[in-house]
Amino acid sequence: MDKLFYRPKDAATVLGMSRTAVFRLIKSGELRSIKRDGYRLIPTAALLDFARALEADAEQEAV
């Protein structure tokens, strides 16, 4: 089974960015996450949504 949730460090690796950048995206609301028992989790769906939004923005800028 694939992962359902990622810790910020692992999400940063998946997205190819720093852990700090991931926390910045969470704080700005661009990347959804949940806080549970003192730690933060990022749903796989949130990573996919963020990637799709990046692609859509890039396509709009290209026009």
PDB file of N, CA and C in Angstrom:
ATOM      1  N   MET A   1       0.845  -1.196   0.000  1.00  0.00           N
ATOM      2  CA  MET A   1       0.000   0.000   0.000  1.00  0.00           C
ATOM      3  C   MET A   1       0.883   1.249   0.000  1.00  0.00           C
ATOM      4  N   ASP A   2       0.510   2.206  -0.805  1.00  0.00           N
ATOM      5  CA  ASP A   2       1.225   3.476  -0.840  1.00  0.00           C
ATOM      6  C   ASP A   2       0.940   4.270   0.425  1.00  0.00           C
ATOM      7  N   LYS A   3       1.802   5.225   0.695  1.00  0.00           N
ATOM      8  CA  LYS A   3       1.612   6.068   1.873  1.00  0.00           C
ATOM      9  C   LYS A   3       0.360   6.921   1.730  1.00  0.00           C
ATOM     10  N   LEU A   4      -0.355   7.095   2.817  1.00  0.00           N
ATOM     11  CA  LEU A   4      -1.519   7.977   2.842  1.00  0.00           C
ATOM     12  C   LEU A   4      -1.143   9.370   3.333  1.00  0.00           C
ATOM     13  N   PHE A   5      -0.126   9.438   4.191  1.00  0.00           N
ATOM     14  CA  PHE A   5       0.320  10.700   4.769  1.00  0.00           C
ATOM     15  C   PHE A   5       1.843  10.774   4.740  1.00  0.00           C
ATOM     16  N   TYR A   6       2.350  11.982   4.663  1.00  0.00           N
ATOM     17  CA  TYR A   6       3.787  12.231   4.693  1.00  0.00           C
ATOM     18  C   TYR A   6       4.111  13.219   5.797  1.00  0.00           C
ATOM     19  N   ARG A   7       5.227  13.027   6.457  1.00  0.00           N
ATOM     20  CA  ARG A   7       5.760  14.023   7.370  1.00  0.00           C
ATOM     21  C   ARG A   7       6.354  15.133   6.498  1.00  0.00           C
ATOM     22  N   PRO A   8       6.471  16.359   6.999  1.00  0.00           N
ATOM     23  CA  PRO A   8       7.003  17.461   6.175  1.00  0.00           C
ATOM     24  C   PRO A   8       8.353  17.164   5.527  1.00  0.00           C
ATOM     25  N   LYS A   9       9.252  16.502   6.240  1.00  0.00           N
ATOM     26  CA  LYS A   9      10.564  16.171   5.674  1.00  0.00           C
ATOM     27  C   LYS A   9      10.413  15.272   4.452  1.00  0.00           C
ATOM     28  N   ASP A  10       9.548  14.269   4.550  1.00  0.00           N
ATOM     29  CA  ASP A  10       9.327  13.347   3.434  1.00  0.00           C
ATOM     30  C   ASP A  10       8.592  14.029   2.284  1.00  0.00           C
ATOM     31  N   ALA A  11       7.639  14.898   2.623  1.00  0.00           N
ATOM     32  CA  ALA A  11       6.923  15.652   1.586  1.00  0.00           C
ATOM     33  C   ALA A  11       7.886  16.550   0.831  1.00  0.00           C
ATOM     34  N   ALA A  12       8.844  17.137   1.547  1.00  0.00           N
ATOM     35  CA  ALA A  12       9.843  17.993   0.902  1.00  0.00           C
ATOM     36  C   ALA A  12      10.647  17.192  -0.116  1.00  0.00           C
ATOM     37  N   THR A  13      11.009  15.984   0.237  1.00  0.00           N
ATOM     38  CA  THR A  13      11.753  15.122  -0.680  1.00  0.00           C
ATOM     39  C   THR A  13      10.917  14.809  -1.919  1.00  0.00           C
ATOM     40  N   VAL A  14       9.660  14.472  -1.701  1.00  0.00           N
ATOM     41  CA  VAL A  14       8.765  14.147  -2.816  1.00  0.00           C
ATOM     42  C   VAL A  14       8.605  15.350  -3.756  1.00  0.00           C
ATOM     43  N   LEU A  15       8.476  16.537  -3.171  1.00  0.00           N
ATOM     44  CA  LEU A  15       8.264  17.748  -3.967  1.00  0.00           C
ATOM     45  C   LEU A  15       9.562  18.333  -4.514  1.00  0.00           C
ATOM     46  N   GLY A  16      10.703  17.866  -4.024  1.00  0.00           N
ATOM     47  CA  GLY A  16      11.984  18.378  -4.496  1.00  0.00           C
ATOM     48  C   GLY A  16      12.297  19.764  -3.956  1.00  0.00           C
ATOM     49  N   MET A  17      11.903  20.010  -2.720  1.00  0.00           N
ATOM     50  CA  MET A  17      12.162  21.313  -2.106  1.00  0.00           C
ATOM     51  C   MET A  17      12.599  21.117  -0.664  1.00  0.00           C
ATOM     52  N   SER A  18      12.922  22.194  -0.010  1.00  0.00           N
ATOM     53  CA  SER A  18      13.384  22.095   1.371  1.00  0.00           C
ATOM     54  C   SER A  18      12.216  21.927   2.341  1.00  0.00           C
ATOM     55  N   ARG A  19      12.546  21.438   3.517  1.00  0.00           N
ATOM     56  CA  ARG A  19      11.553  21.295   4.585  1.00  0.00           C
ATOM     57  C   ARG A  19      10.995  22.665   4.969  1.00  0.00           C
ATOM     58  N   THR A  20      11.851  23.671   4.983  1.00  0.00           N
ATOM     59  CA  THR A  20      11.427  25.040   5.292  1.00  0.00           C
ATOM     60  C   THR A  20      10.409  25.533   4.272  1.00  0.00           C
ATOM     61  N   ALA A  21      10.647  25.229   3.009  1.00  0.00           N
ATOM     62  CA  ALA A  21       9.705  25.641   1.960  1.00  0.00           C
ATOM     63  C   ALA A  21       8.349  24.964   2.150  1.00  0.00           C
ATOM     64  N   VAL A  22       8.360  23.707   2.564  1.00  0.00           N
ATOM     65  CA  VAL A  22       7.107  22.984   2.816  1.00  0.00           C
ATOM     66  C   VAL A  22       6.338  23.651   3.951  1.00  0.00           C
ATOM     67  N   PHE A  23       7.035  23.998   5.035  1.00  0.00           N
ATOM     68  CA  PHE A  23       6.361  24.670   6.143  1.00  0.00           C
ATOM     69  C   PHE A  23       5.830  26.039   5.718  1.00  0.00           C
ATOM     70  N   ARG A  24       6.547  26.727   4.849  1.00  0.00           N
ATOM     71  CA  ARG A  24       6.078  28.018   4.331  1.00  0.00           C
ATOM     72  C   ARG A  24       4.789  27.835   3.524  1.00  0.00           C
ATOM     73  N   LEU A  25       4.733  26.798   2.720  1.00  0.00           N
ATOM     74  CA  LEU A  25       3.529  26.504   1.934  1.00  0.00           C
ATOM     75  C   LEU A  25       2.354  26.137   2.833  1.00  0.00           C
ATOM     76  N   ILE A  26       2.628  25.405   3.892  1.00  0.00           N
ATOM     77  CA  ILE A  26       1.572  25.047   4.847  1.00  0.00           C
ATOM     78  C   ILE A  26       1.038  26.302   5.514  1.00  0.00           C
ATOM     79  N   LYS A  27       1.955  27.163   5.958  1.00  0.00           N
ATOM     80  CA  LYS A  27       1.550  28.393   6.650  1.00  0.00           C
ATOM     81  C   LYS A  27       0.732  29.309   5.746  1.00  0.00           C
ATOM     82  N   SER A  28       1.084  29.356   4.462  1.00  0.00           N
ATOM     83  CA  SER A  28       0.367  30.222   3.523  1.00  0.00           C
ATOM     84  C   SER A  28      -0.968  29.626   3.073  1.00  0.00           C
ATOM     85  N   GLY A  29      -1.172  28.334   3.360  1.00  0.00           N
ATOM     86  CA  GLY A  29      -2.411  27.676   2.958  1.00  0.00           C
ATOM     87  C   GLY A  29      -2.343  27.034   1.587  1.00  0.00           C
ATOM     88  N   GLU A  30      -1.188  27.101   0.944  1.00  0.00           N
ATOM     89  CA  GLU A  30      -1.047  26.504  -0.385  1.00  0.00           C
ATOM     90  C   GLU A  30      -0.947  24.988  -0.342  1.00  0.00           C
ATOM     91  N   LEU A  31      -0.527  24.463   0.813  1.00  0.00           N
ATOM     92  CA  LEU A  31      -0.389  23.022   0.979  1.00  0.00           C
ATOM     93  C   LEU A  31      -1.151  22.620   2.236  1.00  0.00           C
ATOM     94  N   ARG A  32      -2.160  21.767   2.034  1.00  0.00           N
ATOM     95  CA  ARG A  32      -2.980  21.327   3.172  1.00  0.00           C
ATOM     96  C   ARG A  32      -2.212  20.356   4.051  1.00  0.00           C
ATOM     97  N   SER A  33      -2.468  20.443   5.344  1.00  0.00           N
ATOM     98  CA  SER A  33      -1.880  19.496   6.279  1.00  0.00           C
ATOM     99  C   SER A  33      -2.779  19.392   7.498  1.00  0.00           C
ATOM    100  N   ILE A  34      -2.515  18.389   8.298  1.00  0.00           N
ATOM    101  CA  ILE A  34      -3.252  18.233   9.543  1.00  0.00           C
ATOM    102  C   ILE A  34      -2.247  18.089  10.681  1.00  0.00           C
ATOM    103  N   LYS A  35      -2.643  18.528  11.838  1.00  0.00           N
ATOM    104  CA  LYS A  35      -1.798  18.373  13.009  1.00  0.00           C
ATOM    105  C   LYS A  35      -2.479  17.364  13.919  1.00  0.00           C
ATOM    106  N   ARG A  36      -1.716  16.365  14.341  1.00  0.00           N
ATOM    107  CA  ARG A  36      -2.276  15.269  15.137  1.00  0.00           C
ATOM    108  C   ARG A  36      -1.279  14.886  16.215  1.00  0.00           C
ATOM    109  N   ASP A  37      -1.706  14.978  17.451  1.00  0.00           N
ATOM    110  CA  ASP A  37      -0.873  14.581  18.586  1.00  0.00           C
ATOM    111  C   ASP A  37       0.517  15.207  18.557  1.00  0.00           C
ATOM    112  N   GLY A  38       0.598  16.467  18.168  1.00  0.00           N
ATOM    113  CA  GLY A  38       1.860  17.190  18.201  1.00  0.00           C
ATOM    114  C   GLY A  38       2.733  17.059  16.967  1.00  0.00           C
ATOM    115  N   TYR A  39       2.289  16.338  15.973  1.00  0.00           N
ATOM    116  CA  TYR A  39       3.074  16.280  14.741  1.00  0.00           C
ATOM    117  C   TYR A  39       2.191  16.591  13.547  1.00  0.00           C
ATOM    118  N   ARG A  40       2.817  16.994  12.452  1.00  0.00           N
ATOM    119  CA  ARG A  40       2.097  17.421  11.263  1.00  0.00           C
ATOM    120  C   ARG A  40       2.177  16.337  10.201  1.00  0.00           C
ATOM    121  N   LEU A  41       1.052  16.113   9.549  1.00  0.00           N
ATOM    122  CA  LEU A  41       0.964  15.147   8.455  1.00  0.00           C
ATOM    123  C   LEU A  41       0.386  15.827   7.220  1.00  0.00           C
ATOM    124  N   ILE A  42       0.889  15.443   6.081  1.00  0.00           N
ATOM    125  CA  ILE A  42       0.411  15.989   4.814  1.00  0.00           C
ATOM    126  C   ILE A  42      -0.183  14.835   4.016  1.00  0.00           C
ATOM    127  N   PRO A  43      -1.487  14.903   3.726  1.00  0.00           N
ATOM    128  CA  PRO A  43      -2.112  13.820   2.955  1.00  0.00           C
ATOM    129  C   PRO A  43      -1.538  13.742   1.535  1.00  0.00           C
ATOM    130  N   THR A  44      -1.439  12.540   1.022  1.00  0.00           N
ATOM    131  CA  THR A  44      -0.971  12.350  -0.344  1.00  0.00           C
ATOM    132  C   THR A  44      -1.807  13.178  -1.320  1.00  0.00           C
ATOM    133  N   ALA A  45      -3.106  13.235  -1.084  1.00  0.00           N
ATOM    134  CA  ALA A  45      -3.994  14.014  -1.966  1.00  0.00           C
ATOM    135  C   ALA A  45      -3.605  15.496  -1.970  1.00  0.00           C
ATOM    136  N   ALA A  46      -3.145  16.008  -0.833  1.00  0.00           N
ATOM    137  CA  ALA A  46      -2.734  17.410  -0.761  1.00  0.00           C
ATOM    138  C   ALA A  46      -1.492  17.655  -1.615  1.00  0.00           C
ATOM    139  N   LEU A  47      -0.570  16.695  -1.626  1.00  0.00           N
ATOM    140  CA  LEU A  47       0.618  16.822  -2.476  1.00  0.00           C
ATOM    141  C   LEU A  47       0.232  16.821  -3.955  1.00  0.00           C
ATOM    142  N   LEU A  48      -0.685  15.931  -4.314  1.00  0.00           N
ATOM    143  CA  LEU A  48      -1.142  15.874  -5.702  1.00  0.00           C
ATOM    144  C   LEU A  48      -1.889  17.147  -6.098  1.00  0.00           C
ATOM    145  N   ASP A  49      -2.734  17.662  -5.210  1.00  0.00           N
ATOM    146  CA  ASP A  49      -3.455  18.912  -5.478  1.00  0.00           C
ATOM    147  C   ASP A  49      -2.486  20.065  -5.674  1.00  0.00           C
ATOM    148  N   PHE A  50      -1.466  20.133  -4.831  1.00  0.00           N
ATOM    149  CA  PHE A  50      -0.469  21.197  -4.933  1.00  0.00           C
ATOM    150  C   PHE A  50       0.269  21.101  -6.276  1.00  0.00           C
ATOM    151  N   ALA A  51       0.666  19.892  -6.660  1.00  0.00           N
ATOM    152  CA  ALA A  51       1.366  19.704  -7.938  1.00  0.00           C
ATOM    153  C   ALA A  51       0.484  20.111  -9.118  1.00  0.00           C
ATOM    154  N   ARG A  52      -0.790  19.756  -9.063  1.00  0.00           N
ATOM    155  CA  ARG A  52      -1.716  20.143 -10.147  1.00  0.00           C
ATOM    156  C   ARG A  52      -1.871  21.658 -10.222  1.00  0.00           C
ATOM    157  N   ALA A  53      -1.941  22.315  -9.066  1.00  0.00           N
ATOM    158  CA  ALA A  53      -2.061  23.765  -9.032  1.00  0.00           C
ATOM    159  C   ALA A  53      -0.815  24.423  -9.625  1.00  0.00           C
ATOM    160  N   LEU A  54       0.354  23.875  -9.328  1.00  0.00           N
ATOM    161  CA  LEU A  54       1.596  24.401  -9.912  1.00  0.00           C
ATOM    162  C   LEU A  54       1.574  24.273 -11.432  1.00  0.00           C
ATOM    163  N   GLU A  55       1.131  23.120 -11.913  1.00  0.00           N
ATOM    164  CA  GLU A  55       1.050  22.902 -13.362  1.00  0.00           C
ATOM    165  C   GLU A  55       0.067  23.874 -13.997  1.00  0.00           C
ATOM    166  N   ALA A  56      -1.080  24.066 -13.385  1.00  0.00           N
ATOM    167  CA  ALA A  56      -2.093  24.975 -13.928  1.00  0.00           C
ATOM    168  C   ALA A  56      -1.557  26.406 -13.964  1.00  0.00           C
ATOM    169  N   ASP A  57      -0.861  26.818 -12.917  1.00  0.00           N
ATOM    170  CA  ASP A  57      -0.270  28.159 -12.899  1.00  0.00           C
ATOM    171  C   ASP A  57       0.764  28.323 -13.995  1.00  0.00           C
ATOM    172  N   ALA A  58       1.579  27.296 -14.203  1.00  0.00           N
ATOM    173  CA  ALA A  58       2.605  27.353 -15.243  1.00  0.00           C
ATOM    174  C   ALA A  58       1.965  27.440 -16.627  1.00  0.00           C
ATOM    175  N   GLU A  59       0.877  26.713 -16.822  1.00  0.00           N
ATOM    176  CA  GLU A  59       0.188  26.761 -18.122  1.00  0.00           C
ATOM    177  C   GLU A  59      -0.412  28.129 -18.374  1.00  0.00           C
ATOM    178  N   GLN A  60      -0.984  28.747 -17.341  1.00  0.00           N
ATOM    179  CA  GLN A  60      -1.574  30.079 -17.497  1.00  0.00           C
ATOM    180  C   GLN A  60      -0.516  31.130 -17.786  1.00  0.00           C
ATOM    181  N   GLU A  61       0.640  30.995 -17.163  1.00  0.00           N
ATOM    182  CA  GLU A  61       1.729  31.942 -17.401  1.00  0.00           C
ATOM    183  C   GLU A  61       2.297  31.814 -18.806  1.00  0.00           C
ATOM    184  N   ALA A  62       2.216  30.601 -19.373  1.00  0.00           N
ATOM    185  CA  ALA A  62       2.756  30.359 -20.706  1.00  0.00           C
ATOM    186  C   ALA A  62       1.872  30.961 -21.799  1.00  0.00           C
ATOM    187  N   VAL A  63       0.622  31.236 -21.468  1.00  0.00           N
ATOM    188  CA  VAL A  63      -0.329  31.750 -22.471  1.00  0.00           C
ATOM    189  C   VAL A  63      -0.140  33.220 -22.677  1.00  0.00           C
TER     190      VAL A  63
END
